[in-house]
């Protein structure tokens, strides 16, 4: 989808596109993914020689960012993380490349090498910085235009590492997500430890930086996505990995203020502070990845699907015989983080092994990062590229590669609805429970489900509307209602739920009933109506001989109440059982045939 108002040069186009928000790109009716596959690796060319003044090693050590082309034939601007040439003293930092064909990359003119780095080299401790959050490593996760500021005002999410607890270098890291700002299109960035509002830590684990040795610990490897809320506010969502527990975590902060104040997702909402707060995984467990290592999450908005798309890496099995792969999940809302059960991306699986000595894993598929040419920053389409790092244990052998991806999709299927009575037979005036079962065959939840149930020859008995569906309105019915309407229902992804209520009838016979089809926010055309369910209503009959006089009825009433003559005084044959007596009493009082 082309936004005509955004035909602007360079980063100005990025500003315009970001200001539109996902709603400007969404399909009228969301689609569901039928298949998601990738091609084999494609070799890329970039400055990675083992010698020379301007060379890179380990590119890209974090998720790269691609700024869109200013016009046909103009280059993409690419931010990534790398170790600069050996003469630079073993610093890791942010480097800026350019490419016109997404195959050949060289250094972008006007940008220093690197443009941002840590205060000291990776393997050195310095007492001045031994308690700081970015002492040994500082590289870019996502870099993006702040849509609340003029063009050229960029924000960089920093992946920062500290390796010097107590002033002694160790391989395990304390990892932090930081943030830095640039006002000149990313050419200059604040020096280390500048502090808010220009360069500061935004996400750290509940365990603070320590002076004693530890295993890998903290929050890191960030990617970011800017979303525009219905109220017009911009939020920065940061997907990151928690160490040592792994998993996919998300935090957010509202843009337009400085410094940004992040809240982490924890047990169903954004409630925990970015620094020192608790967090929890935002997605269900993935089949084949439930007990493994899901890491490197990236969130985009897929314009063709009309859904948020997350991809991430998962390493499963043992280090000697492990298999890693990429998975995807979709969501309708970043506010709700309603991610579907992740599914494997076809052709993405490769072996993995632990490095000896540690750290790291040898795997062809680290840091998957999506790009669809022509899409806005942070947006994807049904086709495009996934850039990755074939991260070998030998730094000099690492490769920056790409794969093409293809998504096939189809409209979401409307939910089905089935109706049943229990019991299926009642006496006149009795009650039966209606169970309506709504089923969803899609891999994403359907929201705000609505349907009608017009009762004929029966009515609601009154009382609660129950069942397993969430959000159902109304929560109760009034006795005698016949035109029933239900709304607000969420039908879970690849599952079903129920709505239940009670009905009654005083009209003997076989009473047929069906509901309308169900509409949802995602499936605006109603699905098929329910099956026709039958409730059989029996008339006021007794198993014994019929009574012949009103006096017989009165004798029975007196007998039941214990105030009159025994049944033997009836002018009529004995009634077979007490049920018959109760039926006759109720009928004489105009109460139908139900038992009290």
Protein backbone atom coordinates (compact mmCIF):
# COMPACT_ATOMS: atom_id res chain seq x y z
CA UNK A 1 0.00 0.00 0.00
CA UNK A 2 1.48 3.36 -0.98
CA UNK A 3 0.89 6.41 1.18
CA UNK A 4 1.01 9.25 -1.37
CA UNK A 5 1.64 11.91 1.27
CA UNK A 6 4.93 10.16 2.15
CA UNK A 7 6.73 10.63 -1.19
CA UNK A 8 9.58 12.39 0.58
CA UNK A 9 13.35 11.97 0.48
CA UNK A 10 15.39 9.84 2.86
CA UNK A 11 14.64 9.85 6.56
CA UNK A 12 11.82 12.34 6.06
CA UNK A 13 9.89 9.52 4.41
CA UNK A 14 10.55 7.36 7.47
CA UNK A 15 9.05 10.07 9.68
CA UNK A 16 5.95 10.35 7.50
CA UNK A 17 5.43 6.60 7.31
CA UNK A 18 5.85 6.13 11.05
CA UNK A 19 3.29 8.85 11.74
CA UNK A 20 0.62 6.96 9.79
CA UNK A 21 0.40 4.11 12.33
CA UNK A 22 -0.55 0.51 11.48
CA UNK A 23 -4.18 1.46 10.77
CA UNK A 24 -3.10 3.26 7.59
CA UNK A 25 -1.63 0.04 6.20
CA UNK A 26 -4.05 -2.59 7.47
CA UNK A 27 -6.17 -4.78 5.24
CA UNK A 28 -9.93 -4.27 5.60
CA UNK A 29 -10.26 -7.89 6.70
CA UNK A 30 -7.29 -9.50 8.49
CA UNK A 31 -5.82 -12.64 6.96
CA UNK A 32 -4.40 -15.74 8.55
CA UNK A 33 -1.09 -17.37 7.66
CA UNK A 34 -1.43 -20.64 5.79
CA UNK A 35 2.31 -21.14 5.25
CA UNK A 36 5.54 -19.28 6.02
CA UNK A 37 8.77 -20.42 4.40
CA UNK A 38 12.28 -19.19 3.66
CA UNK A 39 14.82 -19.83 0.94
CA UNK A 40 18.36 -21.16 1.39
CA UNK A 41 21.06 -18.72 2.47
CA UNK A 42 22.09 -15.95 0.11
CA UNK A 43 25.70 -14.75 0.29
CA UNK A 44 26.19 -11.02 0.84
CA UNK A 45 29.20 -8.82 0.18
CA UNK A 46 30.34 -6.31 2.83
CA UNK A 47 33.68 -5.02 4.28
CA UNK A 48 34.73 -8.00 6.39
CA UNK A 49 38.37 -8.49 5.53
CA UNK A 50 40.62 -9.73 8.37
CA UNK A 51 42.96 -6.79 7.88
CA UNK A 52 42.85 -3.13 6.91
CA UNK A 53 41.95 0.15 8.55
CA UNK A 54 38.25 0.05 7.70
CA UNK A 55 37.07 -3.51 8.12
CA UNK A 56 34.47 -5.30 10.24
CA UNK A 57 34.34 -8.55 12.11
CA UNK A 58 31.23 -10.22 13.47
CA UNK A 59 28.78 -8.09 11.44
CA UNK A 60 25.98 -8.01 12.29
CA UNK A 61 26.30 -9.03 15.93
CA UNK A 62 22.82 -7.66 16.66
CA UNK A 63 19.59 -7.16 14.70
CA UNK A 64 20.35 -4.72 11.83
CA UNK A 65 18.09 -1.78 10.95
CA UNK A 66 17.28 -0.77 7.35
CA UNK A 67 16.09 2.77 6.63
CA UNK A 68 14.03 2.96 3.43
CA UNK A 69 15.30 4.22 0.12
CA UNK A 70 14.75 7.91 -0.66
CA UNK A 71 13.77 6.99 -4.22
CA UNK A 72 14.35 4.48 -6.97
CA UNK A 73 18.02 3.51 -7.05
CA UNK A 74 18.85 5.38 -3.83
CA UNK A 75 20.60 3.37 -1.11
CA UNK A 76 19.16 1.90 2.05
CA UNK A 77 20.90 3.11 5.20
CA UNK A 78 21.85 0.16 7.42
CA UNK A 79 22.78 0.30 11.12
CA UNK A 80 24.43 -2.79 12.59
CA UNK A 81 26.82 -3.98 15.28
CA UNK A 82 30.37 -5.14 14.61
CA UNK A 83 33.87 -5.24 15.94
CA UNK A 84 35.90 -2.65 14.10
CA UNK A 85 39.29 -3.41 12.54
CA UNK A 86 42.07 -4.75 14.74
CA UNK A 87 43.80 -1.38 14.85
CA UNK A 88 40.82 0.05 16.74
CA UNK A 89 41.64 -1.91 19.91
CA UNK A 90 38.94 -4.62 19.93
CA UNK A 91 35.99 -2.27 20.31
CA UNK A 92 32.47 -3.36 19.41
CA UNK A 93 30.07 -0.66 18.31
CA UNK A 94 27.51 0.75 15.89
CA UNK A 95 28.49 0.94 12.22
CA UNK A 96 26.55 2.41 9.30
CA UNK A 97 26.51 0.81 5.86
CA UNK A 98 24.56 1.41 2.68
CA UNK A 99 23.20 -0.82 -0.09
CA UNK A 100 21.12 -0.35 -3.21
CA UNK A 101 20.46 -4.01 -4.03
CA UNK A 102 20.42 -5.65 -0.56
CA UNK A 103 23.28 -7.87 -1.73
CA UNK A 104 26.36 -5.60 -1.70
CA UNK A 105 27.10 -3.32 1.27
CA UNK A 106 29.73 -0.65 1.83
CA UNK A 107 30.30 2.14 4.32
CA UNK A 108 27.81 5.01 4.24
CA UNK A 109 29.59 8.33 3.53
CA UNK A 110 29.61 10.91 6.31
CA UNK A 111 29.45 8.40 9.18
CA UNK A 112 32.35 7.66 11.52
CA UNK A 113 33.54 4.12 12.17
CA UNK A 114 32.07 3.37 14.63
CA UNK A 115 29.41 6.00 15.38
CA UNK A 116 28.80 4.65 18.91
CA UNK A 117 30.80 2.30 21.11
CA UNK A 118 31.58 1.25 24.68
CA UNK A 119 34.00 3.23 26.86
CA UNK A 120 36.67 0.48 26.94
CA UNK A 121 37.50 -2.50 24.70
CA UNK A 122 35.58 -5.74 25.10
CA UNK A 123 38.17 -7.74 27.08
CA UNK A 124 39.55 -4.98 29.34
CA UNK A 125 38.43 -3.77 32.77
CA UNK A 126 38.79 -0.14 33.79
CA UNK A 127 38.11 0.89 37.41
CA UNK A 128 36.40 4.04 36.18
CA UNK A 129 33.73 2.00 34.39
CA UNK A 130 33.64 -1.31 36.30
CA UNK A 131 30.19 -0.56 37.75
CA UNK A 132 28.67 0.97 34.61
CA UNK A 133 26.12 -0.71 32.38
CA UNK A 134 27.93 -0.34 29.03
CA UNK A 135 31.59 -0.83 29.97
CA UNK A 136 32.62 -3.58 27.51
CA UNK A 137 30.09 -3.65 24.70
CA UNK A 138 27.60 -1.22 23.16
CA UNK A 139 25.91 -1.96 19.85
CA UNK A 140 22.67 -1.04 18.12
CA UNK A 141 19.50 -3.03 18.25
CA UNK A 142 16.79 -1.16 16.34
CA UNK A 143 17.42 2.43 15.23
CA UNK A 144 14.35 4.47 14.33
CA UNK A 145 13.01 7.96 13.78
CA UNK A 146 11.21 9.47 16.77
CA UNK A 147 7.82 10.35 15.19
CA UNK A 148 7.18 13.03 17.81
CA UNK A 149 10.24 15.05 16.66
CA UNK A 150 11.41 16.52 13.35
CA UNK A 151 13.16 14.35 10.75
CA UNK A 152 16.69 13.32 11.69
CA UNK A 153 15.94 12.80 15.39
CA UNK A 154 16.79 9.12 15.83
CA UNK A 155 16.60 6.76 18.79
CA UNK A 156 18.95 3.81 19.10
CA UNK A 157 18.20 0.85 21.33
CA UNK A 158 21.58 -0.22 22.74
CA UNK A 159 22.56 -3.75 23.64
CA UNK A 160 25.20 -3.20 26.37
CA UNK A 161 27.41 -5.65 28.25
CA UNK A 162 29.47 -5.41 31.40
CA UNK A 163 32.07 -8.18 31.95
CA UNK A 164 34.00 -6.89 34.97
CA UNK A 165 32.31 -7.80 38.28
CA UNK A 166 34.62 -6.62 41.02
CA UNK A 167 37.08 -5.36 38.42
CA UNK A 168 37.93 -8.87 37.15
CA UNK A 169 37.09 -9.70 33.52
CA UNK A 170 34.89 -12.75 32.86
CA UNK A 171 33.23 -14.16 29.76
CA UNK A 172 29.62 -14.19 31.14
CA UNK A 173 27.95 -10.81 30.83
CA UNK A 174 25.61 -8.54 32.71
CA UNK A 175 23.44 -7.32 29.84
CA UNK A 176 21.33 -4.17 29.70
CA UNK A 177 19.05 -2.48 27.18
CA UNK A 178 19.99 1.17 26.84
CA UNK A 179 18.78 4.09 24.76
CA UNK A 180 20.60 6.89 22.95
CA UNK A 181 19.46 9.87 20.86
CA UNK A 182 20.89 11.59 17.78
CA UNK A 183 19.62 14.79 16.18
CA UNK A 184 21.63 14.60 12.93
CA UNK A 185 20.36 11.45 11.19
CA UNK A 186 22.56 9.18 13.33
CA UNK A 187 25.93 10.69 12.44
CA UNK A 188 26.79 11.57 16.04
CA UNK A 189 25.68 9.93 19.27
CA UNK A 190 26.35 10.64 22.96
CA UNK A 191 29.52 9.37 24.60
CA UNK A 192 29.29 6.44 27.07
CA UNK A 193 27.63 7.10 30.39
CA UNK A 194 26.22 10.43 29.26
CA UNK A 195 23.10 9.81 31.30
CA UNK A 196 19.50 10.82 30.65
CA UNK A 197 18.15 12.22 28.44
CA UNK A 198 20.78 11.34 25.82
CA UNK A 199 22.21 7.89 26.71
CA UNK A 200 20.94 5.81 29.60
CA UNK A 201 19.81 2.32 30.68
CA UNK A 202 16.11 1.53 30.24
CA UNK A 203 15.73 -2.23 30.87
CA UNK A 204 17.54 -4.26 33.52
CA UNK A 205 16.71 -7.45 35.40
CA UNK A 206 15.64 -7.51 39.07
CA UNK A 207 19.23 -8.54 39.93
CA UNK A 208 21.40 -5.38 39.82
CA UNK A 209 24.94 -5.18 38.48
CA UNK A 210 27.06 -7.10 40.98
CA UNK A 211 30.69 -7.21 42.04
CA UNK A 212 30.80 -11.01 42.31
CA UNK A 213 31.17 -13.49 39.42
CA UNK A 214 27.94 -14.67 37.80
CA UNK A 215 26.53 -16.45 34.75
CA UNK A 216 24.91 -14.54 31.87
CA UNK A 217 22.40 -12.23 33.49
CA UNK A 218 20.09 -9.38 32.51
CA UNK A 219 17.86 -8.04 29.71
CA UNK A 220 19.28 -7.65 26.21
CA UNK A 221 19.37 -8.14 22.42
CA UNK A 222 16.59 -5.60 21.85
CA UNK A 223 14.46 -4.81 18.83
CA UNK A 224 11.93 -2.00 18.70
CA UNK A 225 8.62 -1.19 17.03
CA UNK A 226 6.75 2.13 17.12
CA UNK A 227 2.97 1.83 17.34
CA UNK A 228 0.34 4.55 17.22
CA UNK A 229 -2.55 4.07 19.64
CA UNK A 230 -6.20 4.79 18.90
CA UNK A 231 -5.84 7.99 20.94
CA UNK A 232 -3.01 9.19 18.69
CA UNK A 233 -0.17 8.52 21.14
CA UNK A 234 3.06 6.84 19.99
CA UNK A 235 4.48 3.93 21.97
CA UNK A 236 7.86 2.28 21.61
CA UNK A 237 7.58 -1.49 22.12
CA UNK A 238 10.87 -3.26 22.83
CA UNK A 239 11.15 -7.03 22.38
CA UNK A 240 14.12 -8.50 24.24
CA UNK A 241 15.57 -11.68 25.74
CA UNK A 242 15.85 -12.30 29.47
CA UNK A 243 18.92 -14.07 30.83
CA UNK A 244 19.34 -16.68 32.16
CA UNK A 245 15.73 -17.78 31.66
CA UNK A 246 15.60 -16.95 27.94
CA UNK A 247 12.12 -16.37 26.47
CA UNK A 248 10.54 -13.48 24.58
CA UNK A 249 9.82 -10.40 26.66
CA UNK A 250 8.26 -7.01 25.79
CA UNK A 251 8.37 -3.59 27.42
CA UNK A 252 6.93 -0.28 26.26
CA UNK A 253 7.22 3.46 26.79
CA UNK A 254 5.19 6.40 25.50
CA UNK A 255 7.14 8.65 23.15
CA UNK A 256 6.96 12.42 23.36
CA UNK A 257 8.60 12.69 26.79
CA UNK A 258 12.22 12.51 27.86
CA UNK A 259 13.59 10.44 29.44
CA UNK A 260 11.37 7.54 28.38
CA UNK A 261 9.78 5.56 31.20
CA UNK A 262 9.42 1.87 30.34
CA UNK A 263 7.04 -0.69 31.81
CA UNK A 264 7.58 -4.43 31.38
CA UNK A 265 4.88 -6.96 30.52
CA UNK A 266 4.27 -9.12 33.56
CA UNK A 267 1.48 -11.69 33.97
CA UNK A 268 -0.99 -10.05 31.62
CA UNK A 269 -0.26 -6.31 31.61
CA UNK A 270 2.45 -3.64 31.46
CA UNK A 271 2.99 -3.02 35.16
CA UNK A 272 6.63 -3.57 36.15
CA UNK A 273 9.33 -0.87 35.92
CA UNK A 274 11.93 -1.15 33.19
CA UNK A 275 14.83 -0.97 35.64
CA UNK A 276 14.68 -3.85 38.12
CA UNK A 277 11.13 -4.96 37.33
CA UNK A 278 9.88 -8.48 36.83
CA UNK A 279 8.79 -9.74 33.42
CA UNK A 280 7.10 -12.74 31.83
CA UNK A 281 6.85 -14.29 28.38
CA UNK A 282 4.28 -12.65 26.11
CA UNK A 283 3.47 -15.68 23.94
CA UNK A 284 2.34 -19.29 24.40
CA UNK A 285 4.90 -22.08 24.24
CA UNK A 286 5.83 -23.18 20.75
CA UNK A 287 5.46 -26.83 19.70
CA UNK A 288 9.01 -28.18 19.53
CA UNK A 289 10.34 -25.22 21.52
CA UNK A 290 8.49 -25.52 24.82
CA UNK A 291 11.54 -26.49 26.91
CA UNK A 292 14.23 -24.93 24.73
CA UNK A 293 15.70 -21.48 24.21
CA UNK A 294 13.44 -18.95 22.46
CA UNK A 295 15.51 -15.83 21.83
CA UNK A 296 16.08 -12.88 19.47
CA UNK A 297 12.43 -11.74 19.10
CA UNK A 298 11.54 -9.14 16.49
CA UNK A 299 8.11 -7.49 16.10
CA UNK A 300 6.81 -5.94 12.88
CA UNK A 301 3.38 -5.03 11.53
CA UNK A 302 2.46 -7.01 8.43
CA UNK A 303 0.44 -4.73 6.19
CA UNK A 304 -0.92 -7.57 4.03
CA UNK A 305 -2.05 -9.68 6.97
CA UNK A 306 -3.38 -6.78 9.03
CA UNK A 307 -1.65 -8.34 12.05
CA UNK A 308 1.43 -7.85 14.20
CA UNK A 309 4.09 -10.43 13.37
CA UNK A 310 6.76 -11.77 15.72
CA UNK A 311 9.61 -13.99 14.61
CA UNK A 312 12.23 -15.47 16.91
CA UNK A 313 14.96 -18.07 17.11
CA UNK A 314 14.64 -21.27 19.12
CA UNK A 315 17.41 -23.75 19.92
CA UNK A 316 16.11 -27.13 21.05
CA UNK A 317 17.74 -30.44 21.94
CA UNK A 318 21.22 -30.93 23.37
CA UNK A 319 24.32 -29.06 22.31
CA UNK A 320 25.73 -32.19 20.69
CA UNK A 321 22.58 -33.02 18.70
CA UNK A 322 20.52 -29.86 18.77
CA UNK A 323 18.34 -28.31 16.09
CA UNK A 324 17.54 -24.64 15.88
CA UNK A 325 14.89 -22.90 13.84
CA UNK A 326 12.75 -19.81 13.44
CA UNK A 327 9.17 -19.50 14.62
CA UNK A 328 6.42 -16.97 13.98
CA UNK A 329 3.39 -15.76 15.92
CA UNK A 330 0.74 -13.12 15.18
CA UNK A 331 -1.25 -10.73 17.36
CA UNK A 332 -4.12 -8.29 16.92
CA UNK A 333 -2.98 -5.92 19.68
CA UNK A 334 0.35 -4.97 21.26
CA UNK A 335 -1.58 -3.51 24.17
CA UNK A 336 -3.05 -6.96 24.87
CA UNK A 337 -0.06 -9.00 23.62
CA UNK A 338 -2.53 -11.61 22.36
CA UNK A 339 0.03 -13.70 20.48
CA UNK A 340 -1.00 -16.95 18.82
CA UNK A 341 0.71 -20.27 19.42
CA UNK A 342 4.03 -20.00 17.53
CA UNK A 343 4.58 -22.11 14.43
CA UNK A 344 7.79 -23.23 12.73
CA UNK A 345 8.95 -21.26 9.68
CA UNK A 346 9.53 -23.86 7.00
CA UNK A 347 13.12 -24.51 5.86
CA UNK A 348 14.59 -22.54 8.78
CA UNK A 349 15.97 -25.48 10.80
CA UNK A 350 19.71 -26.06 11.08
CA UNK A 351 21.97 -27.90 13.60
CA UNK A 352 23.47 -26.00 16.49
CA UNK A 353 26.29 -26.64 18.94
CA UNK A 354 27.81 -24.86 21.92
CA UNK A 355 31.12 -23.11 21.45
CA UNK A 356 34.15 -24.52 23.24
CA UNK A 357 35.24 -22.57 25.15
CA UNK A 358 32.00 -20.63 25.69
CA UNK A 359 30.19 -18.33 25.19
CA UNK A 360 27.82 -18.64 22.27
CA UNK A 361 26.41 -21.24 19.93
CA UNK A 362 27.36 -22.16 16.41
CA UNK A 363 24.13 -21.83 14.43
CA UNK A 364 23.12 -20.62 11.00
CA UNK A 365 20.18 -18.44 12.00
CA UNK A 366 20.99 -15.98 14.79
CA UNK A 367 19.25 -12.59 14.96
CA UNK A 368 16.56 -12.97 12.25
CA UNK A 369 15.56 -9.51 10.99
CA UNK A 370 12.83 -8.86 8.41
CA UNK A 371 12.69 -6.39 5.53
CA UNK A 372 10.04 -6.00 2.82
CA UNK A 373 11.12 -3.52 0.14
CA UNK A 374 8.59 -0.70 -0.18
CA UNK A 375 7.19 -1.17 3.32
CA UNK A 376 7.47 1.44 6.06
CA UNK A 377 10.15 0.98 8.76
CA UNK A 378 9.07 -1.81 11.07
CA UNK A 379 6.47 -3.06 8.57
CA UNK A 380 6.48 -6.19 6.43
CA UNK A 381 4.48 -7.70 3.59
CA UNK A 382 3.87 -11.24 2.36
CA UNK A 383 7.33 -11.40 0.79
CA UNK A 384 10.72 -9.96 1.61
CA UNK A 385 14.06 -10.79 3.20
CA UNK A 386 15.20 -12.11 6.55
CA UNK A 387 18.75 -11.08 7.36
CA UNK A 388 20.70 -13.26 9.77
CA UNK A 389 24.08 -14.07 11.20
CA UNK A 390 25.67 -17.48 10.67
CA UNK A 391 27.37 -17.21 14.03
CA UNK A 392 30.32 -19.56 14.17
CA UNK A 393 32.55 -19.96 17.20
CA UNK A 394 35.40 -18.49 15.16
CA UNK A 395 34.73 -14.75 14.96
CA UNK A 396 36.61 -14.40 11.69
CA UNK A 397 34.36 -17.01 10.05
CA UNK A 398 31.02 -15.42 10.92
CA UNK A 399 28.81 -14.48 7.99
CA UNK A 400 26.09 -11.90 7.43
CA UNK A 401 23.53 -13.59 5.16
CA UNK A 402 19.94 -13.29 3.99
CA UNK A 403 17.04 -15.53 3.01
CA UNK A 404 13.94 -14.57 1.09
CA UNK A 405 10.63 -15.27 2.82
CA UNK A 406 7.20 -16.03 1.43
CA UNK A 407 3.93 -16.01 3.37
CA UNK A 408 0.74 -17.43 1.90
CA UNK A 409 -2.45 -16.23 3.53
CA UNK A 410 -6.22 -16.54 3.37
CA UNK A 411 -9.14 -14.69 4.94
CA UNK A 412 -10.00 -15.69 8.46
CA UNK A 413 -12.83 -18.20 8.69
CA UNK A 414 -15.93 -17.11 10.58
CA UNK A 415 -16.58 -19.10 13.77
CA UNK A 416 -19.13 -21.90 13.74
CA UNK A 417 -21.91 -22.22 16.27
CA UNK A 418 -23.74 -25.35 17.47
CA UNK A 419 -26.85 -25.50 19.65
CA UNK A 420 -28.01 -28.20 22.08
CA UNK A 421 -30.70 -28.62 24.78
CA UNK A 422 -30.19 -30.57 27.99
CA UNK A 423 -32.43 -32.28 28.81
CA UNK A 424 -33.97 -32.59 25.38
CA UNK A 425 -37.41 -33.40 26.85
CA UNK A 426 -39.26 -31.47 29.57
CA UNK A 427 -42.76 -31.34 31.01
CA UNK A 428 -44.71 -28.22 30.18
CA UNK A 429 -43.34 -25.45 32.41
CA UNK A 430 -40.06 -27.26 33.01
CA UNK A 431 -36.53 -25.99 32.28
CA UNK A 432 -33.79 -27.00 29.86
CA UNK A 433 -30.23 -25.68 29.59
CA UNK A 434 -29.15 -24.33 26.20
CA UNK A 435 -25.46 -24.81 25.34
CA UNK A 436 -24.11 -22.82 22.40
CA UNK A 437 -20.63 -23.96 21.31
CA UNK A 438 -18.59 -21.46 19.29
CA UNK A 439 -15.54 -22.87 17.46
CA UNK A 440 -12.64 -21.03 15.82
CA UNK A 441 -10.44 -22.82 13.26
CA UNK A 442 -8.06 -19.86 12.87
CA UNK A 443 -4.65 -19.59 14.51
CA UNK A 444 -5.60 -16.23 16.03
CA UNK A 445 -8.42 -15.34 18.41
CA UNK A 446 -11.65 -13.81 17.13
CA UNK A 447 -12.97 -10.90 19.17
CA UNK A 448 -16.29 -9.15 19.81
CA UNK A 449 -18.32 -12.11 18.59
CA UNK A 450 -22.04 -11.39 18.16
CA UNK A 451 -25.13 -13.40 17.22
CA UNK A 452 -28.90 -13.58 17.82
CA UNK A 453 -31.06 -16.35 19.20
CA UNK A 454 -34.80 -15.86 18.63
CA UNK A 455 -36.75 -18.27 20.83
CA UNK A 456 -40.01 -19.62 19.32
CA UNK A 457 -42.57 -21.45 21.49
CA UNK A 458 -40.21 -21.05 24.43
CA UNK A 459 -38.62 -18.24 26.41
CA UNK A 460 -35.70 -17.55 28.70
CA UNK A 461 -36.24 -18.93 32.19
CA UNK A 462 -34.21 -16.07 33.65
CA UNK A 463 -30.91 -16.18 35.51
CA UNK A 464 -27.24 -16.14 34.65
CA UNK A 465 -25.66 -16.45 31.22
CA UNK A 466 -22.69 -18.74 31.83
CA UNK A 467 -20.22 -20.86 29.84
CA UNK A 468 -16.52 -20.70 29.02
CA UNK A 469 -16.49 -17.83 26.50
CA UNK A 470 -14.98 -14.60 27.81
CA UNK A 471 -16.53 -11.18 27.41
CA UNK A 472 -20.10 -12.39 26.84
CA UNK A 473 -22.80 -9.70 27.09
CA UNK A 474 -25.37 -9.89 28.67
CA UNK A 475 -24.40 -11.74 31.83
CA UNK A 476 -28.01 -12.57 32.73
CA UNK A 477 -31.44 -12.87 31.13
CA UNK A 478 -34.92 -11.82 32.29
CA UNK A 479 -37.60 -14.49 32.49
CA UNK A 480 -39.84 -14.35 29.45
CA UNK A 481 -37.28 -12.93 26.99
CA UNK A 482 -37.51 -14.37 23.49
CA UNK A 483 -35.35 -12.08 21.31
CA UNK A 484 -31.83 -12.75 22.62
CA UNK A 485 -28.70 -10.95 21.39
CA UNK A 486 -25.18 -11.77 22.55
CA UNK A 487 -22.07 -9.63 21.95
CA UNK A 488 -18.50 -9.10 23.15
CA UNK A 489 -17.46 -12.73 22.87
CA UNK A 490 -13.82 -13.76 22.36
CA UNK A 491 -13.42 -17.14 20.67
CA UNK A 492 -9.91 -18.53 21.38
CA UNK A 493 -7.45 -19.33 18.62
CA UNK A 494 -7.73 -22.90 17.31
CA UNK A 495 -10.29 -23.66 20.01
CA UNK A 496 -13.84 -23.34 21.18
CA UNK A 497 -15.92 -21.94 24.04
CA UNK A 498 -19.53 -22.09 25.25
CA UNK A 499 -22.44 -19.82 26.17
CA UNK A 500 -25.16 -21.35 28.36
CA UNK A 501 -28.55 -20.24 29.69
CA UNK A 502 -31.92 -21.76 30.67
CA UNK A 503 -35.22 -21.79 28.77
CA UNK A 504 -38.76 -22.90 29.56
CA UNK A 505 -41.93 -23.65 27.58
CA UNK A 506 -45.63 -24.24 28.28
CA UNK A 507 -46.34 -25.21 24.69
CA UNK A 508 -46.39 -29.01 24.23
CA UNK A 509 -44.80 -30.42 21.11
CA UNK A 510 -41.45 -30.66 19.32
CA UNK A 511 -40.01 -27.15 19.45
CA UNK A 512 -37.24 -26.40 16.96
CA UNK A 513 -34.76 -23.59 17.40
CA UNK A 514 -31.55 -22.27 15.74
CA UNK A 515 -29.29 -19.23 16.18
CA UNK A 516 -27.99 -16.80 13.60
CA UNK A 517 -24.43 -17.02 12.36
CA UNK A 518 -21.66 -15.27 14.30
CA UNK A 519 -19.87 -12.06 13.30
CA UNK A 520 -16.58 -10.87 14.82
CA UNK A 521 -14.27 -7.90 14.44
CA UNK A 522 -12.06 -9.99 12.19
CA UNK A 523 -14.86 -11.73 10.26
CA UNK A 524 -17.51 -9.12 9.60
CA UNK A 525 -19.62 -11.40 7.38
CA UNK A 526 -21.70 -13.74 9.53
CA UNK A 527 -20.89 -17.41 9.44
CA UNK A 528 -23.46 -20.14 8.98
CA UNK A 529 -26.42 -20.36 11.31
CA UNK A 530 -26.36 -23.06 13.95
CA UNK A 531 -27.88 -26.49 13.58
CA UNK A 532 -31.59 -26.80 14.41
CA UNK A 533 -31.97 -28.20 17.91
CA UNK A 534 -35.24 -29.70 19.13
CA UNK A 535 -36.77 -29.39 22.60
CA UNK A 536 -39.69 -31.75 23.22
CA UNK A 537 -42.32 -30.33 25.60
CA UNK A 538 -44.78 -32.81 27.16
CA UNK A 539 -48.37 -31.91 28.06
CA UNK A 540 -50.06 -32.29 31.47
CA UNK A 541 -50.65 -36.04 31.59
CA UNK A 542 -50.54 -38.55 34.47
CA UNK A 543 -49.64 -42.21 34.43
CA UNK A 544 -52.75 -43.22 36.42
CA UNK A 545 -56.44 -42.97 35.46
CA UNK A 546 -57.76 -39.46 34.94
CA UNK A 547 -59.47 -37.66 37.80
CA UNK A 548 -63.17 -37.04 37.28
CA UNK A 549 -64.06 -34.21 39.65
CA UNK A 550 -62.80 -31.03 41.21
CA UNK A 551 -63.39 -32.63 44.61
CA UNK A 552 -60.81 -35.28 43.71
CA UNK A 553 -58.26 -32.54 43.07
CA UNK A 554 -59.11 -30.90 46.37
CA UNK A 555 -58.72 -34.22 48.19
CA UNK A 556 -55.22 -34.51 46.67
CA UNK A 557 -54.24 -30.97 47.62
CA UNK A 558 -55.39 -31.56 51.18
CA UNK A 559 -53.52 -34.84 51.31
CA UNK A 560 -50.27 -33.26 50.09
CA UNK A 561 -50.66 -30.40 52.58
CA UNK A 562 -51.57 -32.86 55.37
CA UNK A 563 -54.87 -31.15 56.17
CA UNK A 564 -57.53 -33.30 54.61
CA UNK A 565 -58.93 -36.74 53.90
CA UNK A 566 -56.74 -39.58 52.68
CA UNK A 567 -56.63 -40.59 49.03
CA UNK A 568 -58.94 -43.52 49.83
CA UNK A 569 -61.82 -41.05 50.11
CA UNK A 570 -61.50 -40.11 46.41
CA UNK A 571 -64.51 -40.84 44.21
CA UNK A 572 -61.96 -42.19 41.72
CA UNK A 573 -59.43 -44.97 41.35
CA UNK A 574 -56.10 -44.60 43.14
CA UNK A 575 -53.53 -42.31 41.54
CA UNK A 576 -50.42 -44.25 40.58
CA UNK A 577 -47.75 -42.02 42.12
CA UNK A 578 -47.02 -38.71 43.82
CA UNK A 579 -45.64 -37.21 40.59
CA UNK A 580 -49.11 -37.55 39.12
CA UNK A 581 -50.54 -35.82 42.19
CA UNK A 582 -48.10 -32.95 41.82
CA UNK A 583 -48.86 -32.59 38.11
CA UNK A 584 -52.58 -32.33 38.86
CA UNK A 585 -52.01 -29.80 41.64
CA UNK A 586 -49.82 -27.61 39.47
CA UNK A 587 -52.26 -27.79 36.60
CA UNK A 588 -55.17 -26.83 38.89
CA UNK A 589 -53.19 -23.82 40.14
CA UNK A 590 -52.16 -22.70 36.63
CA UNK A 591 -48.50 -23.54 37.23
CA UNK A 592 -47.96 -25.89 34.29
CA UNK A 593 -46.66 -29.41 34.70
CA UNK A 594 -43.33 -28.84 36.45
CA UNK A 595 -42.60 -30.42 39.81
CA UNK A 596 -41.95 -28.08 42.75
